[in-house]
N, C-alpha and C. Protein backbone atom coordinates (compact mmCIF):
# COMPACT_ATOMS: atom_id res chain seq x y z
N MET A 1 -184.86 -106.85 -4.58
CA MET A 1 -183.59 -106.19 -4.84
C MET A 1 -182.64 -106.56 -3.71
N SER A 2 -181.39 -106.75 -4.03
CA SER A 2 -180.41 -107.12 -3.01
C SER A 2 -180.09 -105.92 -2.11
N THR A 3 -179.62 -106.23 -0.93
CA THR A 3 -179.23 -105.18 0.01
C THR A 3 -178.11 -104.33 -0.59
N LEU A 4 -177.15 -104.99 -1.22
CA LEU A 4 -176.03 -104.26 -1.83
C LEU A 4 -176.53 -103.30 -2.90
N PHE A 5 -177.45 -103.76 -3.75
CA PHE A 5 -177.97 -102.89 -4.81
C PHE A 5 -178.71 -101.70 -4.20
N ALA A 6 -179.54 -101.96 -3.20
CA ALA A 6 -180.33 -100.88 -2.58
C ALA A 6 -179.42 -99.84 -1.92
N ILE A 7 -178.42 -100.31 -1.17
CA ILE A 7 -177.50 -99.36 -0.53
C ILE A 7 -176.67 -98.63 -1.58
N SER A 8 -176.29 -99.32 -2.64
CA SER A 8 -175.55 -98.66 -3.73
C SER A 8 -176.38 -97.56 -4.37
N LEU A 9 -177.66 -97.84 -4.57
CA LEU A 9 -178.55 -96.86 -5.18
C LEU A 9 -178.71 -95.62 -4.30
N THR A 10 -178.99 -95.83 -3.02
CA THR A 10 -179.18 -94.67 -2.14
C THR A 10 -177.86 -93.94 -1.89
N THR A 11 -176.76 -94.68 -1.88
CA THR A 11 -175.45 -94.04 -1.71
C THR A 11 -175.13 -93.16 -2.91
N GLY A 12 -175.41 -93.65 -4.11
CA GLY A 12 -175.18 -92.84 -5.31
C GLY A 12 -176.01 -91.57 -5.30
N LEU A 13 -177.28 -91.72 -5.00
CA LEU A 13 -178.18 -90.56 -4.97
C LEU A 13 -177.75 -89.54 -3.91
N LEU A 14 -177.51 -90.01 -2.70
CA LEU A 14 -177.14 -89.09 -1.62
C LEU A 14 -175.73 -88.53 -1.78
N SER A 15 -174.85 -89.24 -2.48
CA SER A 15 -173.52 -88.69 -2.77
C SER A 15 -173.63 -87.47 -3.67
N GLY A 16 -174.49 -87.56 -4.67
CA GLY A 16 -174.72 -86.40 -5.54
C GLY A 16 -175.31 -85.23 -4.78
N ILE A 17 -176.25 -85.53 -3.89
CA ILE A 17 -176.85 -84.47 -3.07
C ILE A 17 -175.80 -83.86 -2.14
N TRP A 18 -174.94 -84.71 -1.54
CA TRP A 18 -173.88 -84.19 -0.67
C TRP A 18 -172.95 -83.27 -1.45
N GLY A 19 -172.60 -83.64 -2.66
CA GLY A 19 -171.74 -82.78 -3.48
C GLY A 19 -172.33 -81.39 -3.62
N TRP A 20 -173.63 -81.33 -3.88
CA TRP A 20 -174.31 -80.04 -4.04
C TRP A 20 -174.39 -79.30 -2.70
N VAL A 21 -174.78 -80.01 -1.63
CA VAL A 21 -174.92 -79.39 -0.31
C VAL A 21 -173.58 -78.83 0.16
N SER A 22 -172.52 -79.62 0.01
CA SER A 22 -171.21 -79.17 0.50
C SER A 22 -170.74 -77.90 -0.19
N ILE A 23 -170.91 -77.85 -1.50
CA ILE A 23 -170.51 -76.65 -2.24
C ILE A 23 -171.41 -75.47 -1.86
N SER A 24 -172.71 -75.73 -1.72
CA SER A 24 -173.65 -74.66 -1.36
C SER A 24 -173.34 -74.06 0.00
N LEU A 25 -172.86 -74.90 0.93
CA LEU A 25 -172.55 -74.42 2.28
C LEU A 25 -171.09 -74.02 2.45
N GLY A 26 -170.31 -74.15 1.39
CA GLY A 26 -168.89 -73.80 1.47
C GLY A 26 -168.07 -74.79 2.27
N LEU A 27 -168.51 -76.04 2.32
CA LEU A 27 -167.80 -77.07 3.07
C LEU A 27 -166.85 -77.84 2.17
N LEU A 28 -166.09 -78.74 2.76
CA LEU A 28 -165.13 -79.56 2.01
C LEU A 28 -165.80 -80.87 1.63
N SER A 29 -166.15 -81.03 0.36
CA SER A 29 -166.87 -82.24 -0.04
C SER A 29 -166.05 -83.49 0.25
N TRP A 30 -164.75 -83.44 0.01
CA TRP A 30 -163.91 -84.61 0.24
C TRP A 30 -163.88 -84.99 1.72
N ALA A 31 -163.89 -83.99 2.61
CA ALA A 31 -163.89 -84.29 4.05
C ALA A 31 -165.23 -84.90 4.46
N GLY A 32 -166.30 -84.46 3.83
CA GLY A 32 -167.60 -85.08 4.09
C GLY A 32 -167.63 -86.53 3.67
N PHE A 33 -166.99 -86.83 2.54
CA PHE A 33 -166.91 -88.22 2.12
C PHE A 33 -166.06 -89.04 3.08
N LEU A 34 -165.08 -88.41 3.73
CA LEU A 34 -164.32 -89.12 4.76
C LEU A 34 -165.21 -89.44 5.97
N GLY A 35 -166.06 -88.49 6.34
CA GLY A 35 -167.01 -88.73 7.43
C GLY A 35 -167.98 -89.84 7.09
N CYS A 36 -168.45 -89.84 5.86
CA CYS A 36 -169.35 -90.88 5.36
C CYS A 36 -168.65 -92.24 5.38
N THR A 37 -167.43 -92.27 4.87
CA THR A 37 -166.65 -93.51 4.84
C THR A 37 -166.38 -94.02 6.25
N SER A 38 -166.12 -93.11 7.16
CA SER A 38 -165.87 -93.48 8.55
C SER A 38 -167.08 -94.22 9.12
N TYR A 39 -168.28 -93.72 8.84
CA TYR A 39 -169.48 -94.41 9.34
C TYR A 39 -169.59 -95.81 8.73
N PHE A 40 -169.43 -95.91 7.42
CA PHE A 40 -169.55 -97.20 6.75
C PHE A 40 -168.50 -98.19 7.27
N ALA A 41 -167.31 -97.72 7.61
CA ALA A 41 -166.23 -98.60 8.05
C ALA A 41 -166.33 -98.98 9.53
N SER A 42 -167.10 -98.24 10.28
CA SER A 42 -167.20 -98.50 11.72
C SER A 42 -167.83 -99.86 11.98
N PRO A 43 -167.29 -100.62 12.93
CA PRO A 43 -167.88 -101.92 13.25
C PRO A 43 -169.21 -101.79 13.99
N ILE A 44 -169.50 -100.61 14.50
CA ILE A 44 -170.76 -100.36 15.20
C ILE A 44 -171.67 -99.61 14.22
N GLN A 45 -172.87 -100.09 14.02
CA GLN A 45 -173.79 -99.45 13.09
C GLN A 45 -174.92 -98.76 13.84
N GLY A 46 -175.85 -98.17 13.12
CA GLY A 46 -176.97 -97.48 13.72
C GLY A 46 -176.56 -96.13 14.29
N LEU A 47 -177.45 -95.56 15.09
CA LEU A 47 -177.18 -94.24 15.67
C LEU A 47 -175.98 -94.28 16.61
N ARG A 48 -175.82 -95.38 17.32
CA ARG A 48 -174.65 -95.51 18.20
C ARG A 48 -173.36 -95.49 17.38
N GLY A 49 -173.36 -96.21 16.27
CA GLY A 49 -172.19 -96.21 15.39
C GLY A 49 -171.91 -94.84 14.81
N LEU A 50 -172.98 -94.13 14.46
CA LEU A 50 -172.81 -92.76 13.96
C LEU A 50 -172.17 -91.89 15.04
N GLY A 51 -172.64 -92.02 16.27
CA GLY A 51 -172.07 -91.25 17.37
C GLY A 51 -170.60 -91.54 17.58
N VAL A 52 -170.24 -92.82 17.59
CA VAL A 52 -168.84 -93.21 17.77
C VAL A 52 -167.99 -92.70 16.61
N SER A 53 -168.50 -92.86 15.40
CA SER A 53 -167.76 -92.42 14.21
C SER A 53 -167.51 -90.91 14.25
N VAL A 54 -168.55 -90.14 14.51
CA VAL A 54 -168.43 -88.68 14.54
C VAL A 54 -167.52 -88.23 15.69
N LEU A 55 -167.70 -88.80 16.87
CA LEU A 55 -166.86 -88.39 18.00
C LEU A 55 -165.40 -88.72 17.77
N THR A 56 -165.11 -89.88 17.18
CA THR A 56 -163.71 -90.20 16.91
C THR A 56 -163.15 -89.29 15.82
N ASN A 57 -163.95 -88.99 14.79
CA ASN A 57 -163.49 -88.05 13.77
C ASN A 57 -163.15 -86.70 14.38
N LEU A 58 -164.04 -86.19 15.22
CA LEU A 58 -163.82 -84.87 15.81
C LEU A 58 -162.67 -84.88 16.81
N SER A 59 -162.50 -85.99 17.52
CA SER A 59 -161.34 -86.07 18.42
C SER A 59 -160.05 -86.05 17.61
N GLY A 60 -160.07 -86.67 16.43
CA GLY A 60 -158.90 -86.64 15.55
C GLY A 60 -158.55 -85.23 15.11
N VAL A 61 -159.58 -84.42 14.88
CA VAL A 61 -159.34 -83.01 14.53
C VAL A 61 -158.60 -82.32 15.67
N ILE A 62 -159.06 -82.54 16.88
CA ILE A 62 -158.42 -81.91 18.04
C ILE A 62 -156.98 -82.39 18.20
N TRP A 63 -156.76 -83.69 18.07
CA TRP A 63 -155.40 -84.22 18.18
C TRP A 63 -154.49 -83.62 17.11
N ALA A 64 -155.00 -83.48 15.89
CA ALA A 64 -154.19 -82.89 14.81
C ALA A 64 -153.83 -81.44 15.14
N LEU A 65 -154.77 -80.71 15.71
CA LEU A 65 -154.48 -79.32 16.08
C LEU A 65 -153.42 -79.25 17.18
N ILE A 66 -153.44 -80.21 18.09
CA ILE A 66 -152.39 -80.26 19.11
C ILE A 66 -151.03 -80.48 18.46
N ILE A 67 -150.98 -81.38 17.48
CA ILE A 67 -149.72 -81.63 16.78
C ILE A 67 -149.28 -80.39 15.99
N ILE A 68 -150.20 -79.79 15.25
CA ILE A 68 -149.87 -78.62 14.41
C ILE A 68 -149.36 -77.47 15.28
N HIS A 69 -150.15 -77.08 16.26
CA HIS A 69 -149.79 -75.92 17.07
C HIS A 69 -148.67 -76.22 18.05
N GLY A 70 -148.66 -77.44 18.58
CA GLY A 70 -147.58 -77.83 19.48
C GLY A 70 -146.24 -77.85 18.78
N SER A 71 -146.21 -78.37 17.56
CA SER A 71 -144.96 -78.40 16.79
C SER A 71 -144.47 -76.99 16.47
N GLN A 72 -145.41 -76.10 16.13
CA GLN A 72 -145.03 -74.71 15.86
C GLN A 72 -144.49 -74.04 17.12
N TRP A 73 -145.15 -74.28 18.23
CA TRP A 73 -144.75 -73.66 19.49
C TRP A 73 -143.40 -74.18 19.96
N LEU A 74 -143.17 -75.50 19.79
CA LEU A 74 -141.90 -76.08 20.23
C LEU A 74 -140.74 -75.65 19.35
N GLY A 75 -141.02 -75.39 18.07
CA GLY A 75 -140.02 -74.81 17.17
C GLY A 75 -138.92 -75.73 16.68
N SER A 76 -139.00 -76.99 16.96
CA SER A 76 -137.96 -77.92 16.52
C SER A 76 -138.61 -79.09 15.80
N ASP A 77 -138.09 -79.41 14.61
CA ASP A 77 -138.65 -80.53 13.87
C ASP A 77 -138.58 -81.82 14.66
N VAL A 78 -137.44 -82.08 15.25
CA VAL A 78 -137.25 -83.33 15.99
C VAL A 78 -138.23 -83.43 17.16
N ILE A 79 -138.40 -82.35 17.89
CA ILE A 79 -139.34 -82.36 19.01
C ILE A 79 -140.77 -82.48 18.48
N GLY A 80 -141.04 -81.90 17.33
CA GLY A 80 -142.35 -82.05 16.69
C GLY A 80 -142.65 -83.51 16.34
N TYR A 81 -141.63 -84.24 15.91
CA TYR A 81 -141.81 -85.67 15.61
C TYR A 81 -142.09 -86.45 16.89
N ILE A 82 -141.42 -86.08 17.96
CA ILE A 82 -141.66 -86.73 19.25
C ILE A 82 -143.09 -86.43 19.72
N LEU A 83 -143.53 -85.19 19.53
CA LEU A 83 -144.91 -84.83 19.87
C LEU A 83 -145.89 -85.65 19.05
N THR A 84 -145.62 -85.82 17.76
CA THR A 84 -146.49 -86.61 16.90
C THR A 84 -146.59 -88.05 17.41
N ALA A 85 -145.46 -88.62 17.82
CA ALA A 85 -145.46 -89.98 18.36
C ALA A 85 -146.30 -90.07 19.63
N LEU A 86 -146.13 -89.11 20.50
CA LEU A 86 -146.86 -89.08 21.77
C LEU A 86 -148.36 -88.92 21.53
N VAL A 87 -148.73 -87.99 20.67
CA VAL A 87 -150.14 -87.76 20.37
C VAL A 87 -150.75 -88.99 19.69
N SER A 88 -150.00 -89.63 18.81
CA SER A 88 -150.51 -90.85 18.15
C SER A 88 -150.81 -91.94 19.17
N PHE A 89 -149.97 -92.04 20.19
CA PHE A 89 -150.23 -92.97 21.28
C PHE A 89 -151.59 -92.66 21.92
N PHE A 90 -151.82 -91.40 22.24
CA PHE A 90 -153.08 -91.01 22.88
C PHE A 90 -154.27 -91.19 21.95
N MET A 91 -154.06 -91.01 20.65
CA MET A 91 -155.13 -91.24 19.68
C MET A 91 -155.58 -92.69 19.71
N CYS A 92 -154.67 -93.59 19.98
CA CYS A 92 -155.01 -95.02 20.07
C CYS A 92 -155.55 -95.40 21.45
N ILE A 93 -154.89 -94.95 22.49
CA ILE A 93 -155.26 -95.37 23.85
C ILE A 93 -156.62 -94.83 24.27
N GLN A 94 -157.08 -93.75 23.65
CA GLN A 94 -158.41 -93.23 23.99
C GLN A 94 -159.50 -94.23 23.65
N ALA A 95 -159.17 -95.23 22.83
CA ALA A 95 -160.15 -96.26 22.45
C ALA A 95 -160.60 -97.10 23.63
N GLN A 96 -159.98 -96.92 24.79
CA GLN A 96 -160.46 -97.59 26.00
C GLN A 96 -161.86 -97.10 26.35
N LYS A 97 -162.19 -95.91 25.93
CA LYS A 97 -163.52 -95.35 26.16
C LYS A 97 -164.42 -95.74 24.98
N LEU A 98 -165.59 -96.30 25.29
CA LEU A 98 -166.47 -96.82 24.25
C LEU A 98 -166.77 -95.79 23.15
N TRP A 99 -167.04 -94.56 23.53
CA TRP A 99 -167.42 -93.55 22.54
C TRP A 99 -166.24 -93.07 21.70
N LEU A 100 -165.04 -93.50 22.05
CA LEU A 100 -163.85 -93.15 21.27
C LEU A 100 -163.12 -94.41 20.79
N SER A 101 -163.88 -95.50 20.64
CA SER A 101 -163.28 -96.81 20.40
C SER A 101 -162.94 -97.12 18.95
N PHE A 102 -163.30 -96.26 18.02
CA PHE A 102 -163.03 -96.52 16.60
C PHE A 102 -161.76 -95.78 16.19
N ILE A 103 -160.62 -96.43 16.38
CA ILE A 103 -159.32 -95.79 16.13
C ILE A 103 -159.19 -95.25 14.71
N PRO A 104 -159.60 -95.98 13.67
CA PRO A 104 -159.48 -95.40 12.32
C PRO A 104 -160.24 -94.08 12.17
N GLY A 105 -161.36 -93.93 12.87
CA GLY A 105 -162.11 -92.68 12.82
C GLY A 105 -161.30 -91.51 13.35
N THR A 106 -160.52 -91.77 14.40
CA THR A 106 -159.66 -90.73 14.97
C THR A 106 -158.61 -90.30 13.96
N PHE A 107 -157.98 -91.27 13.31
CA PHE A 107 -156.95 -90.95 12.32
C PHE A 107 -157.55 -90.30 11.08
N ILE A 108 -158.78 -90.67 10.70
CA ILE A 108 -159.45 -90.01 9.58
C ILE A 108 -159.64 -88.53 9.88
N GLY A 109 -160.12 -88.21 11.09
CA GLY A 109 -160.30 -86.81 11.47
C GLY A 109 -158.99 -86.04 11.49
N ALA A 110 -157.94 -86.67 11.99
CA ALA A 110 -156.63 -86.01 12.02
C ALA A 110 -156.11 -85.78 10.61
N CYS A 111 -156.19 -86.80 9.77
CA CYS A 111 -155.70 -86.66 8.39
C CYS A 111 -156.46 -85.58 7.63
N ALA A 112 -157.78 -85.51 7.84
CA ALA A 112 -158.57 -84.47 7.18
C ALA A 112 -158.10 -83.09 7.62
N THR A 113 -157.76 -82.95 8.89
CA THR A 113 -157.29 -81.67 9.41
C THR A 113 -155.94 -81.30 8.82
N PHE A 114 -155.04 -82.27 8.74
CA PHE A 114 -153.74 -82.01 8.11
C PHE A 114 -153.92 -81.63 6.64
N ALA A 115 -154.80 -82.35 5.94
CA ALA A 115 -155.03 -82.08 4.51
C ALA A 115 -155.63 -80.70 4.28
N ALA A 116 -156.42 -80.23 5.25
CA ALA A 116 -157.05 -78.90 5.14
C ALA A 116 -156.19 -77.82 5.78
N ASP A 117 -154.93 -78.12 6.00
CA ASP A 117 -153.98 -77.15 6.55
C ASP A 117 -154.45 -76.59 7.90
N GLY A 118 -155.06 -77.46 8.72
CA GLY A 118 -155.48 -77.05 10.05
C GLY A 118 -156.78 -76.27 10.12
N ASN A 119 -157.50 -76.17 9.01
CA ASN A 119 -158.74 -75.39 8.99
C ASN A 119 -159.89 -76.20 9.61
N TRP A 120 -159.87 -76.29 10.93
CA TRP A 120 -160.85 -77.09 11.65
C TRP A 120 -162.28 -76.54 11.50
N GLN A 121 -162.40 -75.24 11.23
CA GLN A 121 -163.73 -74.63 11.08
C GLN A 121 -164.47 -75.22 9.88
N LEU A 122 -163.73 -75.68 8.87
CA LEU A 122 -164.35 -76.34 7.72
C LEU A 122 -164.37 -77.85 7.89
N VAL A 123 -163.34 -78.39 8.50
CA VAL A 123 -163.24 -79.85 8.62
C VAL A 123 -164.32 -80.41 9.53
N MET A 124 -164.53 -79.80 10.68
CA MET A 124 -165.49 -80.36 11.64
C MET A 124 -166.92 -80.46 11.09
N PRO A 125 -167.49 -79.39 10.55
CA PRO A 125 -168.85 -79.55 10.02
C PRO A 125 -168.90 -80.47 8.80
N SER A 126 -167.83 -80.49 8.01
CA SER A 126 -167.80 -81.38 6.84
C SER A 126 -167.82 -82.84 7.28
N LEU A 127 -167.01 -83.19 8.28
CA LEU A 127 -167.00 -84.56 8.80
C LEU A 127 -168.34 -84.91 9.44
N LEU A 128 -168.89 -84.01 10.22
CA LEU A 128 -170.15 -84.25 10.91
C LEU A 128 -171.29 -84.49 9.92
N ILE A 129 -171.46 -83.57 9.00
CA ILE A 129 -172.56 -83.71 8.03
C ILE A 129 -172.31 -84.90 7.11
N GLY A 130 -171.05 -85.13 6.76
CA GLY A 130 -170.71 -86.30 5.95
C GLY A 130 -171.07 -87.59 6.67
N GLY A 131 -170.81 -87.65 7.98
CA GLY A 131 -171.19 -88.82 8.76
C GLY A 131 -172.70 -89.04 8.76
N ILE A 132 -173.45 -87.96 8.89
CA ILE A 132 -174.91 -88.05 8.84
C ILE A 132 -175.36 -88.55 7.47
N PHE A 133 -174.71 -88.08 6.42
CA PHE A 133 -175.03 -88.58 5.08
C PHE A 133 -174.72 -90.07 4.97
N GLY A 134 -173.59 -90.51 5.52
CA GLY A 134 -173.25 -91.94 5.50
C GLY A 134 -174.31 -92.78 6.20
N TYR A 135 -174.73 -92.32 7.36
CA TYR A 135 -175.79 -93.00 8.10
C TYR A 135 -177.07 -93.05 7.26
N SER A 136 -177.41 -91.93 6.64
CA SER A 136 -178.62 -91.85 5.82
C SER A 136 -178.55 -92.77 4.61
N MET A 137 -177.36 -92.88 4.02
CA MET A 137 -177.18 -93.77 2.87
C MET A 137 -177.49 -95.21 3.25
N LYS A 138 -176.95 -95.64 4.38
CA LYS A 138 -177.15 -97.03 4.81
C LYS A 138 -178.59 -97.28 5.22
N VAL A 139 -179.14 -96.41 6.06
CA VAL A 139 -180.50 -96.60 6.56
C VAL A 139 -181.51 -96.57 5.42
N SER A 140 -181.36 -95.62 4.51
CA SER A 140 -182.32 -95.53 3.40
C SER A 140 -182.17 -96.72 2.46
N GLY A 141 -180.95 -97.22 2.28
CA GLY A 141 -180.75 -98.41 1.45
C GLY A 141 -181.40 -99.64 2.07
N LEU A 142 -181.25 -99.81 3.37
CA LEU A 142 -181.89 -100.94 4.06
C LEU A 142 -183.41 -100.81 4.01
N TRP A 143 -183.91 -99.58 4.16
CA TRP A 143 -185.34 -99.33 4.06
C TRP A 143 -185.85 -99.70 2.67
N LEU A 144 -185.14 -99.26 1.64
CA LEU A 144 -185.53 -99.54 0.26
C LEU A 144 -185.54 -101.04 -0.01
N GLN A 145 -184.52 -101.73 0.43
CA GLN A 145 -184.43 -103.18 0.20
C GLN A 145 -185.59 -103.89 0.90
N ALA A 146 -185.91 -103.50 2.12
CA ALA A 146 -186.99 -104.15 2.86
C ALA A 146 -188.34 -103.96 2.19
N ARG A 147 -188.53 -102.85 1.51
CA ARG A 147 -189.80 -102.56 0.86
C ARG A 147 -189.86 -103.03 -0.59
N SER A 148 -188.76 -103.53 -1.10
CA SER A 148 -188.75 -103.96 -2.51
C SER A 148 -189.51 -105.26 -2.71
N GLY A 149 -189.67 -106.03 -1.65
CA GLY A 149 -190.43 -107.26 -1.76
C GLY A 149 -189.67 -108.43 -2.36
N VAL A 150 -188.50 -108.17 -2.88
CA VAL A 150 -187.70 -109.22 -3.50
C VAL A 150 -186.32 -109.19 -2.88
N SER A 151 -185.85 -110.33 -2.49
CA SER A 151 -184.50 -110.42 -1.94
C SER A 151 -183.68 -111.36 -2.79
N LEU A 152 -182.70 -110.82 -3.45
CA LEU A 152 -181.83 -111.65 -4.27
C LEU A 152 -180.66 -112.11 -3.43
N LYS A 153 -180.50 -113.41 -3.34
CA LYS A 153 -179.37 -113.94 -2.60
C LYS A 153 -178.15 -113.91 -3.49
N PRO A 154 -177.00 -113.55 -2.93
CA PRO A 154 -175.79 -113.54 -3.76
C PRO A 154 -175.46 -114.95 -4.22
N LYS A 155 -174.95 -115.04 -5.43
CA LYS A 155 -174.56 -116.34 -5.97
C LYS A 155 -173.29 -116.81 -5.29
N VAL A 156 -173.28 -118.07 -4.97
CA VAL A 156 -172.11 -118.67 -4.35
C VAL A 156 -171.43 -119.54 -5.40
N ILE A 157 -170.16 -119.35 -5.54
CA ILE A 157 -169.39 -120.15 -6.49
C ILE A 157 -168.99 -121.44 -5.78
N GLU A 158 -169.42 -122.53 -6.35
CA GLU A 158 -169.11 -123.83 -5.75
C GLU A 158 -167.77 -124.33 -6.25
N GLU A 159 -167.01 -124.91 -5.32
CA GLU A 159 -165.74 -125.50 -5.71
C GLU A 159 -165.99 -126.89 -6.25
N LYS A 160 -165.24 -127.26 -7.26
CA LYS A 160 -165.40 -128.60 -7.84
C LYS A 160 -164.21 -129.44 -7.56
């Protein structure tokens, strides 16, 4: 079985389980899928990649809260926009630190927080558990492919 097929199979199965788990725990299923997607999109894989993905997601939640509460406290739309620009700069520049180096993960966490109207109490565990599900989808798919005994190579279209 091809690696793509195996990962697709385990991703489908675990996505259904995540849907059930998220509803059972009162979490945001869509935010969990963002955490999962963040892991898959990260250029770093394995447990280290999971750590970077989760930490950047959670840092994005914190940055979004700074924007939300800072804008409310400042009381001016224009100053709120300036705050957003400043915070966005810091969301990117934090990538100098290895554990915060996945900039899209930071923006995913922030966007999830904005979409949930600042409800970080639901966003954080949803992103975290979703990231763990993403890691599990990939690892279990690779495990399944390795044990299938058959490796299908993708077809290459030859130019004529």
